Amino acid sequence: MNISIKRFNKQNSQDSVDSFTTSKTNLLQALTEIKATKDATLTFRCGCKSGICGSCAVRVNGIEQLACKMKINENDLIEPLRNREVIKDLVIDVSHETLLIKKSKAFLQANSEIKISEKDVKIIDTQSNCILCNACYSSCPVYEVNKEFLGPFALTRALRYVNDKKVLDSSSVIDSIQDKGIWDCTLCSACTFVCPQGIDPKADILQLQNISVQKGYENPNFANFDSDMDFGMQDMGFDPNAGF
């Protein structure tokens, strides 16, 4: 089976697309075979090899996938994730993860002795399954043009802690996601489509918007509209009743 891999070498800042033949049908196994038998310089990330760590995320024919879970086809094009600096070949810089989580205050800030029920765990279970694979950021059109945008997994993680019973006061989390956060999302669902864990960041962001409104926050985008705008016919540029 033939596949193509987009390569990048930071030392000479050159892109290339190399073709390889592999006997494997699983993408991660194919990459491992190519590195072991054909080109030892091929660089990619992997960890658990079972879809849990998220480190092997790449794009296959333009769609974000986990290499360890991906069955390849003839002439597939393998590329690194978008919207982050490529270090080498299929390896991207993921140092922004810690920064985004800190900005959204999406972590337990203090210990609290509170009894947790199975129902409490179930409420945050879906969002807790995020593996930080960065597929959502690669697919996000807002993050593509604005790297200050908190983005999908940071906001999904924020909801996880807003709904966490152990967090006694979530006001700091809600406050941290107002600027360059929930209101900047276009709700396009691109992140939802590519999440390997079945998480719906769009729905999480909508929920955060609703919680924010309940806590007295407003959508800043509404400030662009003039509430005193006069929609009278005299301002429309024509009179549909003229001559009658």
Protein backbone atom coordinates (compact mmCIF):
# COMPACT_ATOMS: atom_id res chain seq x y z
CA MET A 1 0.00 0.00 0.00
CA ASN A 2 1.30 3.46 -0.91
CA ILE A 3 0.88 6.48 1.34
CA SER A 4 2.30 10.00 1.20
CA ILE A 5 3.66 11.86 4.22
CA LYS A 6 4.17 15.60 4.44
CA ARG A 7 7.64 16.25 5.87
CA PHE A 8 9.17 19.31 7.48
CA ASN A 9 12.72 19.91 8.62
CA LYS A 10 13.07 22.94 10.88
CA GLN A 11 16.81 23.14 10.24
CA ASN A 12 16.33 24.10 6.61
CA SER A 13 12.66 25.18 6.85
CA GLN A 14 11.73 23.00 3.89
CA ASP A 15 8.48 21.16 3.25
CA SER A 16 8.28 18.03 1.13
CA VAL A 17 5.89 15.17 0.46
CA ASP A 18 7.48 11.72 0.43
CA SER A 19 5.81 8.52 -0.74
CA PHE A 20 6.30 5.19 1.01
CA THR A 21 5.11 1.63 0.58
CA THR A 22 3.85 -0.18 3.67
CA SER A 23 2.45 -3.61 4.40
CA LYS A 24 0.38 -2.32 7.32
CA THR A 25 -3.21 -1.07 7.26
CA ASN A 26 -3.10 0.69 10.64
CA LEU A 27 -1.54 4.14 10.29
CA LEU A 28 0.58 4.08 13.44
CA GLN A 29 1.88 0.63 12.56
CA ALA A 30 2.63 1.88 9.06
CA LEU A 31 4.59 4.87 10.38
CA THR A 32 6.51 2.57 12.72
CA GLU A 33 7.32 0.19 9.88
CA ILE A 34 8.48 3.03 7.62
CA LYS A 35 10.74 4.44 10.33
CA ALA A 36 12.19 1.01 11.13
CA THR A 37 12.78 -0.22 7.58
CA LYS A 38 12.78 2.70 5.14
CA ASP A 39 13.58 6.07 6.71
CA ALA A 40 14.87 6.33 10.24
CA THR A 41 14.57 10.12 10.15
CA LEU A 42 10.76 10.04 9.94
CA THR A 43 9.49 11.74 13.09
CA PHE A 44 6.10 11.30 14.76
CA ARG A 45 4.63 11.01 18.23
CA CYS A 46 2.93 8.04 19.85
CA GLY A 47 2.33 6.80 23.34
CA CYS A 48 -0.34 4.39 24.51
CA LYS A 49 -1.14 2.99 21.03
CA SER A 50 -4.74 2.50 22.14
CA GLY A 51 -6.46 5.85 21.60
CA ILE A 52 -6.08 7.14 25.15
CA CYS A 53 -3.07 9.48 25.20
CA GLY A 54 -3.91 11.50 22.08
CA SER A 55 -0.26 12.09 21.20
CA CYS A 56 -0.43 10.45 17.74
CA ALA A 57 -3.05 12.79 16.27
CA VAL A 58 -2.39 13.76 12.64
CA ARG A 59 -4.43 14.70 9.57
CA VAL A 60 -5.35 12.09 7.01
CA ASN A 61 -6.58 13.58 3.74
CA GLY A 62 -7.26 16.82 5.60
CA ILE A 63 -9.21 15.25 8.48
CA GLU A 64 -7.90 15.01 12.03
CA GLN A 65 -7.43 11.42 13.19
CA LEU A 66 -5.61 9.36 15.83
CA ALA A 67 -2.97 7.37 13.96
CA CYS A 68 -3.33 4.40 16.30
CA LYS A 69 -7.04 4.12 15.45
CA MET A 70 -6.84 4.95 11.75
CA LYS A 71 -7.15 2.37 8.97
CA ILE A 72 -5.36 3.72 5.92
CA ASN A 73 -6.25 3.42 2.26
CA GLU A 74 -4.23 3.55 -0.94
CA ASN A 75 -2.62 6.94 -1.61
CA ASP A 76 -3.70 8.53 1.68
CA LEU A 77 -1.94 11.83 2.49
CA ILE A 78 -0.67 12.11 6.07
CA GLU A 79 0.04 15.59 7.43
CA PRO A 80 0.72 17.17 10.83
CA LEU A 81 -2.07 18.94 12.69
CA ARG A 82 -2.73 22.53 11.66
CA ASN A 83 -2.59 25.79 13.62
CA ARG A 84 0.52 24.94 15.63
CA GLU A 85 4.23 25.21 14.84
CA VAL A 86 5.58 22.06 13.23
CA ILE A 87 8.76 20.92 14.95
CA LYS A 88 9.60 18.10 12.54
CA ASP A 89 7.53 16.02 10.13
CA LEU A 90 4.34 15.05 12.02
CA VAL A 91 5.37 16.47 15.40
CA ILE A 92 3.86 19.80 16.46
CA ASP A 93 4.54 22.10 19.40
CA VAL A 94 1.91 21.43 22.10
CA SER A 95 3.34 23.71 24.80
CA HIS A 96 0.24 25.92 24.48
CA GLU A 97 -1.85 23.31 26.31
CA THR A 98 -0.66 24.35 29.76
CA LEU A 99 -1.06 28.04 28.93
CA LEU A 100 -4.66 27.63 27.73
CA ILE A 101 -5.65 25.61 30.79
CA LYS A 102 -4.09 28.23 33.08
CA LYS A 103 -5.91 31.03 31.25
CA SER A 104 -9.25 29.30 31.61
CA LYS A 105 -8.51 28.38 35.24
CA ALA A 106 -9.71 24.89 34.30
CA PHE A 107 -8.24 23.02 37.26
CA LEU A 108 -9.11 22.32 40.88
CA GLN A 109 -7.76 25.34 42.72
CA ALA A 110 -8.36 24.13 46.28
CA ASN A 111 -9.09 20.89 48.05
CA SER A 112 -12.56 20.50 49.50
CA GLU A 113 -13.96 17.73 51.67
CA ILE A 114 -17.21 17.09 49.84
CA LYS A 115 -18.87 13.74 49.31
CA ILE A 116 -19.18 12.89 45.64
CA SER A 117 -21.92 10.64 44.31
CA GLU A 118 -22.03 8.63 41.10
CA LYS A 119 -24.48 11.21 39.78
CA ASP A 120 -21.93 13.98 40.43
CA VAL A 121 -19.27 12.04 38.55
CA LYS A 122 -21.60 11.37 35.62
CA ILE A 123 -22.23 15.09 35.16
CA ILE A 124 -18.55 15.75 34.41
CA ASP A 125 -17.69 12.37 32.92
CA THR A 126 -17.90 13.30 29.23
CA GLN A 127 -15.75 16.43 29.52
CA SER A 128 -13.26 14.54 31.71
CA ASN A 129 -12.60 12.18 28.80
CA CYS A 130 -10.75 14.85 26.80
CA ILE A 131 -7.27 13.52 25.93
CA LEU A 132 -5.78 16.84 24.77
CA CYS A 133 -5.04 15.44 21.32
CA ASN A 134 -5.34 18.92 19.72
CA ALA A 135 -7.53 17.67 16.88
CA CYS A 136 -10.14 20.27 17.82
CA TYR A 137 -7.62 23.13 17.60
CA SER A 138 -6.36 21.88 14.24
CA SER A 139 -9.91 22.01 12.84
CA CYS A 140 -10.99 25.28 14.50
CA PRO A 141 -11.40 28.22 12.06
CA VAL A 142 -11.42 30.76 14.89
CA TYR A 143 -8.16 29.51 16.39
CA GLU A 144 -6.66 29.53 12.90
CA VAL A 145 -6.95 33.33 12.73
CA ASN A 146 -6.74 34.15 16.44
CA LYS A 147 -4.24 32.25 18.57
CA GLU A 148 -5.49 34.16 21.62
CA PHE A 149 -8.81 32.31 21.40
CA LEU A 150 -9.10 29.90 24.32
CA GLY A 151 -10.50 27.28 21.99
CA PRO A 152 -12.37 23.98 22.25
CA PHE A 153 -10.59 21.78 24.77
CA ALA A 154 -9.86 24.65 27.16
CA LEU A 155 -13.55 25.60 27.17
CA THR A 156 -14.71 21.98 27.45
CA ARG A 157 -12.35 21.61 30.38
CA ALA A 158 -13.72 24.84 31.88
CA LEU A 159 -17.24 23.38 31.81
CA ARG A 160 -15.94 20.24 33.50
CA TYR A 161 -14.80 22.33 36.48
CA VAL A 162 -17.82 24.62 36.47
CA ASN A 163 -19.96 21.50 36.89
CA ASP A 164 -17.59 19.85 39.36
CA LYS A 165 -19.19 19.65 42.81
CA LYS A 166 -15.74 19.88 44.40
CA VAL A 167 -15.36 23.42 43.05
CA LEU A 168 -17.07 25.54 45.69
CA ASP A 169 -16.93 28.78 43.67
CA SER A 170 -16.74 28.61 39.87
CA SER A 171 -17.00 32.36 39.37
CA SER A 172 -13.28 32.69 38.56
CA VAL A 173 -13.62 30.06 35.83
CA ILE A 174 -16.67 31.77 34.31
CA ASP A 175 -14.94 35.16 34.46
CA SER A 176 -11.79 33.83 32.75
CA ILE A 177 -13.65 32.55 29.66
CA GLN A 178 -15.47 35.76 28.73
CA ASP A 179 -12.63 37.51 26.89
CA LYS A 180 -11.41 35.61 23.81
CA GLY A 181 -13.47 32.68 24.96
CA ILE A 182 -17.06 31.51 24.68
CA TRP A 183 -18.34 34.53 22.76
CA ASP A 184 -15.66 34.25 20.05
CA CYS A 185 -16.74 30.74 19.03
CA THR A 186 -18.70 30.61 15.76
CA LEU A 187 -20.43 27.35 16.80
CA CYS A 188 -19.44 25.73 13.51
CA SER A 189 -19.10 22.23 15.04
CA ALA A 190 -15.75 21.53 13.31
CA CYS A 191 -14.26 20.52 16.67
CA THR A 192 -17.18 18.22 17.42
CA PHE A 193 -16.81 16.37 14.12
CA VAL A 194 -13.15 15.44 14.74
CA CYS A 195 -13.12 14.67 18.47
CA PRO A 196 -12.00 11.03 18.88
CA GLN A 197 -13.67 10.87 22.29
CA GLY A 198 -17.12 11.86 21.08
CA ILE A 199 -17.08 15.11 23.06
CA ASP A 200 -19.20 17.98 21.75
CA PRO A 201 -17.26 21.20 22.48
CA LYS A 202 -19.91 23.24 20.66
CA ALA A 203 -22.60 22.05 23.08
CA ASP A 204 -20.21 22.67 26.00
CA ILE A 205 -19.59 26.24 24.84
CA LEU A 206 -23.33 26.86 24.43
CA GLN A 207 -23.85 25.60 27.97
CA LEU A 208 -21.13 27.95 29.23
CA GLN A 209 -22.79 30.84 27.40
CA ASN A 210 -26.10 30.05 29.12
CA ILE A 211 -24.43 29.77 32.53
CA SER A 212 -22.63 33.07 31.92
CA VAL A 213 -25.89 34.86 31.08
CA GLN A 214 -27.49 33.44 34.23
CA LYS A 215 -24.60 34.88 36.22
CA GLY A 216 -25.09 38.33 34.73
CA TYR A 217 -22.61 38.32 31.85
CA GLU A 218 -23.58 39.60 28.40
CA ASN A 219 -22.50 38.67 24.89
CA PRO A 220 -20.11 41.53 23.95
CA ASN A 221 -20.97 41.04 20.28
CA PHE A 222 -24.37 42.57 20.96
CA ALA A 223 -22.61 45.85 21.70
CA ASN A 224 -22.01 46.21 17.96
CA PHE A 225 -25.71 46.78 17.43
CA ASP A 226 -27.26 50.16 18.00
CA SER A 227 -30.29 49.59 20.20
CA ASP A 228 -31.63 52.99 19.17
CA MET A 229 -31.49 52.24 15.44
CA ASP A 230 -34.51 53.70 13.64
CA PHE A 231 -36.00 51.27 11.17
CA GLY A 232 -38.53 53.79 9.85
CA MET A 233 -39.35 53.78 6.14
CA GLN A 234 -37.70 57.14 5.71
CA ASP A 235 -34.32 55.51 6.39
CA MET A 236 -34.79 52.60 4.00
CA GLY A 237 -33.99 54.63 0.90
CA PHE A 238 -37.35 54.04 -0.75
CA ASP A 239 -41.08 54.27 0.00
CA PRO A 240 -43.01 51.15 -1.09
CA ASN A 241 -46.27 53.12 -0.84
CA ALA A 242 -45.18 56.04 -3.01
CA GLY A 243 -47.75 57.01 -5.61
CA PHE A 244 -50.70 55.42 -3.78
